[in-house]
């Protein structure tokens, strides 16, 4: 697969990942954290704000791999 096509697909995947992840994280926060204290909210959003980086790193690594011969 050409590098330019991989980067285009990867860009769309990253945008979709961020949108879906933000929606899911917000839905979980609203449903589960309504009665929780501020410390629980802080920890949830701190971890939730970092967890999306793992799948994004996989996508970015895939985008950067050279094409096979």
C-alpha atoms as a PDB file:
ATOM      1  CA  UNK A   1       0.000   0.000   0.000  1.00  0.00           C
ATOM      2  CA  UNK A   2       1.450   3.410  -0.913  1.00  0.00           C
ATOM      3  CA  UNK A   3       2.563   5.633   1.949  1.00  0.00           C
ATOM      4  CA  UNK A   4       0.246   8.487   0.941  1.00  0.00           C
ATOM      5  CA  UNK A   5      -2.790   6.168   1.026  1.00  0.00           C
ATOM      6  CA  UNK A   6      -1.760   4.794   4.424  1.00  0.00           C
ATOM      7  CA  UNK A   7      -1.449   8.329   5.777  1.00  0.00           C
ATOM      8  CA  UNK A   8      -4.857   9.293   4.402  1.00  0.00           C
ATOM      9  CA  UNK A   9      -6.517   6.206   5.909  1.00  0.00           C
ATOM     10  CA  UNK A  10      -4.632   6.723   9.171  1.00  0.00           C
ATOM     11  CA  UNK A  11      -5.745  10.336   9.379  1.00  0.00           C
ATOM     12  CA  UNK A  12      -9.392   9.357   9.018  1.00  0.00           C
ATOM     13  CA  UNK A  13      -8.919   6.571  11.571  1.00  0.00           C
ATOM     14  CA  UNK A  14      -7.366   8.978  14.077  1.00  0.00           C
ATOM     15  CA  UNK A  15     -10.186  11.483  13.686  1.00  0.00           C
ATOM     16  CA  UNK A  16     -12.776   8.715  14.063  1.00  0.00           C
ATOM     17  CA  UNK A  17     -10.932   7.349  17.116  1.00  0.00           C
ATOM     18  CA  UNK A  18     -10.922  10.720  18.859  1.00  0.00           C
ATOM     19  CA  UNK A  19     -14.602  11.379  18.144  1.00  0.00           C
ATOM     20  CA  UNK A  20     -15.798   7.921  19.210  1.00  0.00           C
ATOM     21  CA  UNK A  21     -13.533   7.860  22.256  1.00  0.00           C
ATOM     22  CA  UNK A  22     -14.704  11.282  23.418  1.00  0.00           C
ATOM     23  CA  UNK A  23     -18.346  10.290  23.059  1.00  0.00           C
ATOM     24  CA  UNK A  24     -17.886   6.989  24.908  1.00  0.00           C
ATOM     25  CA  UNK A  25     -15.830   8.599  27.682  1.00  0.00           C
ATOM     26  CA  UNK A  26     -18.469  11.300  28.145  1.00  0.00           C
ATOM     27  CA  UNK A  27     -21.335   8.801  28.202  1.00  0.00           C
ATOM     28  CA  UNK A  28     -19.542   6.670  30.791  1.00  0.00           C
ATOM     29  CA  UNK A  29     -18.742   9.744  32.885  1.00  0.00           C
ATOM     30  CA  UNK A  30     -22.328  10.964  32.854  1.00  0.00           C
ATOM     31  CA  UNK A  31     -23.773   7.517  33.602  1.00  0.00           C
ATOM     32  CA  UNK A  32     -21.295   6.367  36.253  1.00  0.00           C
ATOM     33  CA  UNK A  33     -19.811   9.439  37.895  1.00  0.00           C
ATOM     34  CA  UNK A  34     -22.914  11.463  38.671  1.00  0.00           C
ATOM     35  CA  UNK A  35     -22.717  10.817  42.421  1.00  0.00           C
ATOM     36  CA  UNK A  36     -18.920  10.662  42.696  1.00  0.00           C
ATOM     37  CA  UNK A  37     -16.687  13.212  44.331  1.00  0.00           C
ATOM     38  CA  UNK A  38     -14.258  15.578  42.644  1.00  0.00           C
ATOM     39  CA  UNK A  39     -11.249  13.316  43.248  1.00  0.00           C
ATOM     40  CA  UNK A  40     -12.905  10.445  41.374  1.00  0.00           C
ATOM     41  CA  UNK A  41     -13.765  12.808  38.530  1.00  0.00           C
ATOM     42  CA  UNK A  42     -10.184  14.058  38.407  1.00  0.00           C
ATOM     43  CA  UNK A  43      -8.728  10.543  38.296  1.00  0.00           C
ATOM     44  CA  UNK A  44     -11.248   9.376  35.681  1.00  0.00           C
ATOM     45  CA  UNK A  45     -10.618  12.285  33.337  1.00  0.00           C
ATOM     46  CA  UNK A  46      -6.864  12.136  33.900  1.00  0.00           C
ATOM     47  CA  UNK A  47      -6.714   8.459  32.953  1.00  0.00           C
ATOM     48  CA  UNK A  48      -9.397   8.811  30.297  1.00  0.00           C
ATOM     49  CA  UNK A  49      -7.475  11.628  28.707  1.00  0.00           C
ATOM     50  CA  UNK A  50      -4.379   9.460  28.417  1.00  0.00           C
ATOM     51  CA  UNK A  51      -5.810   6.067  27.419  1.00  0.00           C
ATOM     52  CA  UNK A  52      -6.730   7.095  23.868  1.00  0.00           C
ATOM     53  CA  UNK A  53      -3.035   7.604  23.161  1.00  0.00           C
ATOM     54  CA  UNK A  54      -2.386   3.840  23.056  1.00  0.00           C
ATOM     55  CA  UNK A  55      -4.551   3.053  20.010  1.00  0.00           C
ATOM     56  CA  UNK A  56      -3.461   6.321  18.397  1.00  0.00           C
ATOM     57  CA  UNK A  57       0.168   5.230  18.723  1.00  0.00           C
ATOM     58  CA  UNK A  58      -0.624   1.959  16.945  1.00  0.00           C
ATOM     59  CA  UNK A  59      -2.302   3.820  14.081  1.00  0.00           C
ATOM     60  CA  UNK A  60       0.577   6.298  13.792  1.00  0.00           C
ATOM     61  CA  UNK A  61       3.131   3.474  13.819  1.00  0.00           C
ATOM     62  CA  UNK A  62       1.194   1.709  11.050  1.00  0.00           C
ATOM     63  CA  UNK A  63       1.102   4.926   9.031  1.00  0.00           C
ATOM     64  CA  UNK A  64       4.869   5.291   9.284  1.00  0.00           C
ATOM     65  CA  UNK A  65       5.859   1.787   8.229  1.00  0.00           C
ATOM     66  CA  UNK A  66       7.431   1.644   4.776  1.00  0.00           C
ATOM     67  CA  UNK A  67       5.605  -0.255   2.041  1.00  0.00           C
ATOM     68  CA  UNK A  68       6.592  -3.853   1.369  1.00  0.00           C
ATOM     69  CA  UNK A  69       8.635  -4.581  -1.691  1.00  0.00           C
END
